[in-house]
Amino acid sequence: MASGVKPRVKVPKKAAAGDTITIKTLISHKMESGQRKDDDGNIIPRSIINRFTCDFNGENVVDITLEPAISTNPYFEFQALVPEAGEFKFTWYDDDGSVYEESKMIAIG
């Protein structure tokens, strides 16, 4: 597991049924492309977030494949339709096999 990785998510606490909301996510991750060398001349192994998904009540909303050119601390902003109260589950997948998760509930009101 990469050190210092911290996912952050912003989801409204409530919305009307059928509303489209804006979701913002950011994960702190230094992202190594596998192209750089350390001070001793050794290649620093590739370490990137290679996939991001968002599900709402078990149904996929977003599924993104990331490539080595992605920036440090990837930020995503997207819209989602909220048909009912429920839970958004956000998942980031790292090259080293680590999985980082965050969940946010949304109420109908």
N, C-alpha and C. Protein backbone atom coordinates (compact mmCIF):
# COMPACT_ATOMS: atom_id res chain seq x y z
N MET A 1 0.85 -1.18 0.00
CA MET A 1 0.00 0.00 0.00
C MET A 1 0.89 1.24 0.00
N ALA A 2 0.59 2.15 -0.89
CA ALA A 2 1.36 3.40 -0.97
C ALA A 2 1.11 4.23 0.29
N SER A 3 2.13 4.95 0.73
CA SER A 3 1.98 5.75 1.95
C SER A 3 1.37 7.11 1.63
N GLY A 4 0.64 7.65 2.59
CA GLY A 4 0.07 8.98 2.45
C GLY A 4 -1.12 9.09 1.53
N VAL A 5 -1.74 7.97 1.17
CA VAL A 5 -2.88 8.00 0.26
C VAL A 5 -4.13 8.31 1.07
N LYS A 6 -4.87 9.34 0.61
CA LYS A 6 -6.06 9.75 1.33
C LYS A 6 -7.16 10.13 0.34
N PRO A 7 -8.24 9.34 0.28
CA PRO A 7 -9.36 9.72 -0.59
C PRO A 7 -10.26 10.75 0.09
N ARG A 8 -10.77 11.69 -0.71
CA ARG A 8 -11.72 12.69 -0.22
C ARG A 8 -12.87 12.79 -1.21
N VAL A 9 -14.08 12.88 -0.67
CA VAL A 9 -15.27 12.90 -1.51
C VAL A 9 -16.24 13.95 -1.00
N LYS A 10 -16.87 14.67 -1.93
CA LYS A 10 -17.90 15.64 -1.57
C LYS A 10 -19.19 15.29 -2.31
N VAL A 11 -20.21 14.91 -1.51
CA VAL A 11 -21.53 14.56 -2.03
C VAL A 11 -22.55 15.35 -1.21
N PRO A 12 -23.58 15.95 -1.85
CA PRO A 12 -24.60 16.64 -1.06
C PRO A 12 -25.25 15.67 -0.06
N LYS A 13 -25.65 16.19 1.09
CA LYS A 13 -26.27 15.35 2.12
C LYS A 13 -27.67 14.91 1.73
N LYS A 14 -28.39 15.76 0.94
CA LYS A 14 -29.71 15.36 0.48
C LYS A 14 -30.02 15.99 -0.86
N ALA A 15 -31.00 15.40 -1.55
CA ALA A 15 -31.45 15.87 -2.85
C ALA A 15 -32.89 15.42 -3.03
N ALA A 16 -33.59 16.01 -3.97
CA ALA A 16 -34.93 15.56 -4.31
C ALA A 16 -34.81 14.33 -5.22
N ALA A 17 -35.77 13.43 -5.11
CA ALA A 17 -35.77 12.24 -5.98
C ALA A 17 -35.77 12.69 -7.43
N GLY A 18 -34.88 12.13 -8.23
CA GLY A 18 -34.77 12.49 -9.63
C GLY A 18 -33.81 13.63 -9.93
N ASP A 19 -33.24 14.24 -8.89
CA ASP A 19 -32.27 15.32 -9.09
C ASP A 19 -30.95 14.79 -9.64
N THR A 20 -30.27 15.64 -10.37
CA THR A 20 -28.90 15.36 -10.79
C THR A 20 -27.99 16.17 -9.87
N ILE A 21 -27.05 15.50 -9.24
CA ILE A 21 -26.14 16.16 -8.30
C ILE A 21 -24.72 16.14 -8.86
N THR A 22 -23.89 17.03 -8.32
CA THR A 22 -22.48 17.07 -8.69
C THR A 22 -21.67 16.43 -7.57
N ILE A 23 -20.80 15.50 -7.95
CA ILE A 23 -19.93 14.80 -7.01
C ILE A 23 -18.50 15.18 -7.32
N LYS A 24 -17.72 15.45 -6.28
CA LYS A 24 -16.30 15.79 -6.44
C LYS A 24 -15.46 14.81 -5.64
N THR A 25 -14.40 14.29 -6.26
CA THR A 25 -13.50 13.38 -5.56
C THR A 25 -12.06 13.79 -5.80
N LEU A 26 -11.23 13.52 -4.81
CA LEU A 26 -9.80 13.77 -4.91
C LEU A 26 -9.11 12.69 -4.09
N ILE A 27 -8.06 12.12 -4.62
CA ILE A 27 -7.27 11.17 -3.83
C ILE A 27 -5.83 11.65 -3.82
N SER A 28 -5.28 11.79 -2.63
CA SER A 28 -3.87 12.18 -2.49
C SER A 28 -3.01 10.96 -2.79
N HIS A 29 -2.26 11.02 -3.87
CA HIS A 29 -1.41 9.90 -4.30
C HIS A 29 -0.33 10.48 -5.19
N LYS A 30 0.94 10.18 -4.91
CA LYS A 30 2.02 10.85 -5.64
C LYS A 30 2.21 10.37 -7.08
N MET A 31 1.72 9.21 -7.45
CA MET A 31 1.72 8.71 -8.82
C MET A 31 3.12 8.67 -9.44
N GLU A 32 3.71 7.52 -9.50
CA GLU A 32 5.00 7.32 -10.18
C GLU A 32 4.76 6.60 -11.50
N SER A 33 5.29 7.13 -12.58
CA SER A 33 5.05 6.58 -13.92
C SER A 33 5.90 5.36 -14.24
N GLY A 34 6.95 5.12 -13.45
CA GLY A 34 7.87 4.03 -13.76
C GLY A 34 9.00 4.46 -14.69
N GLN A 35 9.05 5.73 -15.00
CA GLN A 35 10.06 6.27 -15.93
C GLN A 35 11.21 7.00 -15.21
N ARG A 36 10.98 7.38 -13.96
CA ARG A 36 12.00 8.15 -13.24
C ARG A 36 12.98 7.23 -12.51
N LYS A 37 14.15 7.80 -12.16
CA LYS A 37 15.16 7.06 -11.41
C LYS A 37 15.40 7.74 -10.07
N ASP A 38 15.79 6.94 -9.06
CA ASP A 38 16.12 7.51 -7.76
C ASP A 38 17.55 8.03 -7.78
N ASP A 39 18.05 8.51 -6.64
CA ASP A 39 19.39 9.10 -6.56
C ASP A 39 20.50 8.10 -6.89
N ASP A 40 20.23 6.80 -6.73
CA ASP A 40 21.23 5.77 -7.03
C ASP A 40 21.13 5.26 -8.46
N GLY A 41 20.22 5.82 -9.26
CA GLY A 41 20.07 5.41 -10.65
C GLY A 41 19.12 4.25 -10.86
N ASN A 42 18.45 3.80 -9.81
CA ASN A 42 17.48 2.70 -9.94
C ASN A 42 16.12 3.25 -10.38
N ILE A 43 15.45 2.50 -11.24
CA ILE A 43 14.12 2.92 -11.70
C ILE A 43 13.14 2.84 -10.54
N ILE A 44 12.39 3.91 -10.34
CA ILE A 44 11.34 3.93 -9.32
C ILE A 44 10.15 3.18 -9.92
N PRO A 45 9.67 2.12 -9.27
CA PRO A 45 8.58 1.32 -9.84
C PRO A 45 7.31 2.15 -10.07
N ARG A 46 6.60 1.76 -11.12
CA ARG A 46 5.34 2.42 -11.43
C ARG A 46 4.37 2.24 -10.26
N SER A 47 3.71 3.30 -9.89
CA SER A 47 2.71 3.27 -8.83
C SER A 47 1.68 4.34 -9.14
N ILE A 48 0.60 3.91 -9.79
CA ILE A 48 -0.47 4.85 -10.12
C ILE A 48 -1.81 4.27 -9.70
N ILE A 49 -2.76 5.15 -9.51
CA ILE A 49 -4.14 4.73 -9.40
C ILE A 49 -4.54 4.39 -10.82
N ASN A 50 -4.89 3.13 -11.09
CA ASN A 50 -5.16 2.73 -12.47
C ASN A 50 -6.64 2.59 -12.80
N ARG A 51 -7.50 2.71 -11.77
CA ARG A 51 -8.95 2.62 -12.02
C ARG A 51 -9.71 3.31 -10.89
N PHE A 52 -10.80 3.97 -11.27
CA PHE A 52 -11.69 4.62 -10.31
C PHE A 52 -13.11 4.22 -10.66
N THR A 53 -13.88 3.82 -9.64
CA THR A 53 -15.29 3.50 -9.86
C THR A 53 -16.16 4.21 -8.82
N CYS A 54 -17.40 4.44 -9.20
CA CYS A 54 -18.41 4.97 -8.30
C CYS A 54 -19.68 4.16 -8.53
N ASP A 55 -20.24 3.64 -7.46
CA ASP A 55 -21.50 2.89 -7.52
C ASP A 55 -22.52 3.56 -6.62
N PHE A 56 -23.79 3.48 -7.03
CA PHE A 56 -24.88 3.97 -6.19
C PHE A 56 -25.84 2.83 -5.93
N ASN A 57 -26.00 2.47 -4.67
CA ASN A 57 -26.85 1.34 -4.28
C ASN A 57 -26.54 0.09 -5.11
N GLY A 58 -25.26 -0.16 -5.34
CA GLY A 58 -24.83 -1.36 -6.05
C GLY A 58 -24.81 -1.25 -7.57
N GLU A 59 -25.28 -0.14 -8.13
CA GLU A 59 -25.27 0.03 -9.59
C GLU A 59 -24.16 0.99 -9.98
N ASN A 60 -23.42 0.63 -11.03
CA ASN A 60 -22.29 1.43 -11.47
C ASN A 60 -22.74 2.77 -12.04
N VAL A 61 -22.07 3.85 -11.61
CA VAL A 61 -22.32 5.19 -12.11
C VAL A 61 -21.16 5.63 -13.01
N VAL A 62 -19.93 5.38 -12.55
CA VAL A 62 -18.72 5.78 -13.28
C VAL A 62 -17.69 4.66 -13.14
N ASP A 63 -16.99 4.36 -14.23
CA ASP A 63 -15.88 3.41 -14.21
C ASP A 63 -14.81 3.95 -15.16
N ILE A 64 -13.70 4.40 -14.58
CA ILE A 64 -12.66 5.09 -15.36
C ILE A 64 -11.35 4.33 -15.26
N THR A 65 -10.72 4.09 -16.40
CA THR A 65 -9.38 3.50 -16.45
C THR A 65 -8.38 4.63 -16.59
N LEU A 66 -7.37 4.63 -15.72
CA LEU A 66 -6.36 5.69 -15.73
C LEU A 66 -5.05 5.16 -16.30
N GLU A 67 -4.33 6.02 -16.97
CA GLU A 67 -3.07 5.67 -17.61
C GLU A 67 -1.92 6.37 -16.88
N PRO A 68 -0.65 5.97 -17.16
CA PRO A 68 0.49 6.54 -16.45
C PRO A 68 0.63 8.06 -16.54
N ALA A 69 0.05 8.69 -17.54
CA ALA A 69 0.18 10.14 -17.69
C ALA A 69 -0.75 10.92 -16.77
N ILE A 70 -1.55 10.24 -15.96
CA ILE A 70 -2.47 10.92 -15.04
C ILE A 70 -1.66 11.73 -14.03
N SER A 71 -2.20 12.86 -13.63
CA SER A 71 -1.47 13.74 -12.72
C SER A 71 -1.46 13.21 -11.29
N THR A 72 -0.59 13.77 -10.50
CA THR A 72 -0.56 13.51 -9.07
C THR A 72 -1.89 13.96 -8.48
N ASN A 73 -2.36 13.26 -7.46
CA ASN A 73 -3.61 13.61 -6.76
C ASN A 73 -4.80 13.78 -7.72
N PRO A 74 -5.19 12.70 -8.41
CA PRO A 74 -6.27 12.81 -9.40
C PRO A 74 -7.59 13.31 -8.80
N TYR A 75 -8.19 14.24 -9.51
CA TYR A 75 -9.45 14.88 -9.13
C TYR A 75 -10.49 14.54 -10.19
N PHE A 76 -11.67 14.14 -9.73
CA PHE A 76 -12.78 13.88 -10.65
C PHE A 76 -14.00 14.66 -10.18
N GLU A 77 -14.71 15.24 -11.13
CA GLU A 77 -15.99 15.89 -10.86
C GLU A 77 -16.96 15.36 -11.91
N PHE A 78 -18.10 14.85 -11.46
CA PHE A 78 -19.08 14.30 -12.39
C PHE A 78 -20.47 14.46 -11.80
N GLN A 79 -21.47 14.22 -12.64
CA GLN A 79 -22.85 14.32 -12.19
C GLN A 79 -23.48 12.94 -12.13
N ALA A 80 -24.42 12.80 -11.19
CA ALA A 80 -25.13 11.52 -11.03
C ALA A 80 -26.59 11.80 -10.74
N LEU A 81 -27.44 10.97 -11.27
CA LEU A 81 -28.88 11.03 -11.02
C LEU A 81 -29.17 10.31 -9.72
N VAL A 82 -29.99 10.91 -8.87
CA VAL A 82 -30.34 10.32 -7.58
C VAL A 82 -31.83 9.94 -7.59
N PRO A 83 -32.15 8.68 -7.88
CA PRO A 83 -33.56 8.29 -7.94
C PRO A 83 -34.18 8.03 -6.56
N GLU A 84 -33.33 7.78 -5.58
CA GLU A 84 -33.79 7.41 -4.24
C GLU A 84 -32.67 7.66 -3.24
N ALA A 85 -33.00 7.57 -1.95
CA ALA A 85 -31.97 7.67 -0.92
C ALA A 85 -31.04 6.47 -1.04
N GLY A 86 -29.79 6.64 -0.66
CA GLY A 86 -28.89 5.50 -0.75
C GLY A 86 -27.45 5.87 -0.46
N GLU A 87 -26.58 4.98 -0.91
CA GLU A 87 -25.15 5.11 -0.63
C GLU A 87 -24.34 5.12 -1.91
N PHE A 88 -23.46 6.11 -2.01
CA PHE A 88 -22.46 6.14 -3.07
C PHE A 88 -21.22 5.47 -2.52
N LYS A 89 -20.65 4.56 -3.29
CA LYS A 89 -19.41 3.90 -2.90
C LYS A 89 -18.35 4.23 -3.95
N PHE A 90 -17.23 4.77 -3.49
CA PHE A 90 -16.14 5.19 -4.37
C PHE A 90 -14.95 4.27 -4.14
N THR A 91 -14.33 3.80 -5.21
CA THR A 91 -13.22 2.86 -5.09
C THR A 91 -12.10 3.27 -6.05
N TRP A 92 -10.89 3.34 -5.50
CA TRP A 92 -9.69 3.61 -6.29
C TRP A 92 -8.81 2.37 -6.23
N TYR A 93 -8.27 1.94 -7.37
CA TYR A 93 -7.43 0.75 -7.46
C TYR A 93 -6.00 1.16 -7.79
N ASP A 94 -5.04 0.68 -7.01
CA ASP A 94 -3.63 1.03 -7.16
C ASP A 94 -2.90 -0.11 -7.88
N ASP A 95 -1.82 0.23 -8.59
CA ASP A 95 -1.00 -0.78 -9.26
C ASP A 95 -0.49 -1.87 -8.32
N ASP A 96 -0.21 -1.50 -7.07
CA ASP A 96 0.35 -2.48 -6.13
C ASP A 96 -0.71 -3.42 -5.54
N GLY A 97 -1.95 -3.31 -6.03
CA GLY A 97 -3.02 -4.17 -5.54
C GLY A 97 -3.84 -3.55 -4.42
N SER A 98 -3.42 -2.40 -3.93
CA SER A 98 -4.18 -1.73 -2.87
C SER A 98 -5.49 -1.20 -3.42
N VAL A 99 -6.50 -1.20 -2.58
CA VAL A 99 -7.81 -0.66 -2.93
C VAL A 99 -8.19 0.34 -1.84
N TYR A 100 -8.57 1.52 -2.26
CA TYR A 100 -8.96 2.58 -1.33
C TYR A 100 -10.44 2.86 -1.54
N GLU A 101 -11.20 2.88 -0.45
CA GLU A 101 -12.65 3.05 -0.55
C GLU A 101 -13.15 4.17 0.34
N GLU A 102 -14.23 4.77 -0.11
CA GLU A 102 -14.93 5.80 0.67
C GLU A 102 -16.41 5.67 0.32
N SER A 103 -17.29 5.90 1.28
CA SER A 103 -18.73 5.83 1.05
C SER A 103 -19.39 7.08 1.59
N LYS A 104 -20.45 7.51 0.92
CA LYS A 104 -21.23 8.67 1.36
C LYS A 104 -22.71 8.35 1.15
N MET A 105 -23.50 8.68 2.17
CA MET A 105 -24.95 8.51 2.09
C MET A 105 -25.59 9.79 1.57
N ILE A 106 -26.73 9.62 0.89
CA ILE A 106 -27.52 10.78 0.46
C ILE A 106 -28.97 10.48 0.80
N ALA A 107 -29.64 11.50 1.36
CA ALA A 107 -31.04 11.37 1.74
C ALA A 107 -31.92 12.08 0.72
N ILE A 108 -33.18 11.69 0.66
CA ILE A 108 -34.16 12.36 -0.18
C ILE A 108 -34.94 13.32 0.72
N GLY A 109 -34.99 14.56 0.31
CA GLY A 109 -35.68 15.52 1.16
C GLY A 109 -36.19 16.71 0.43
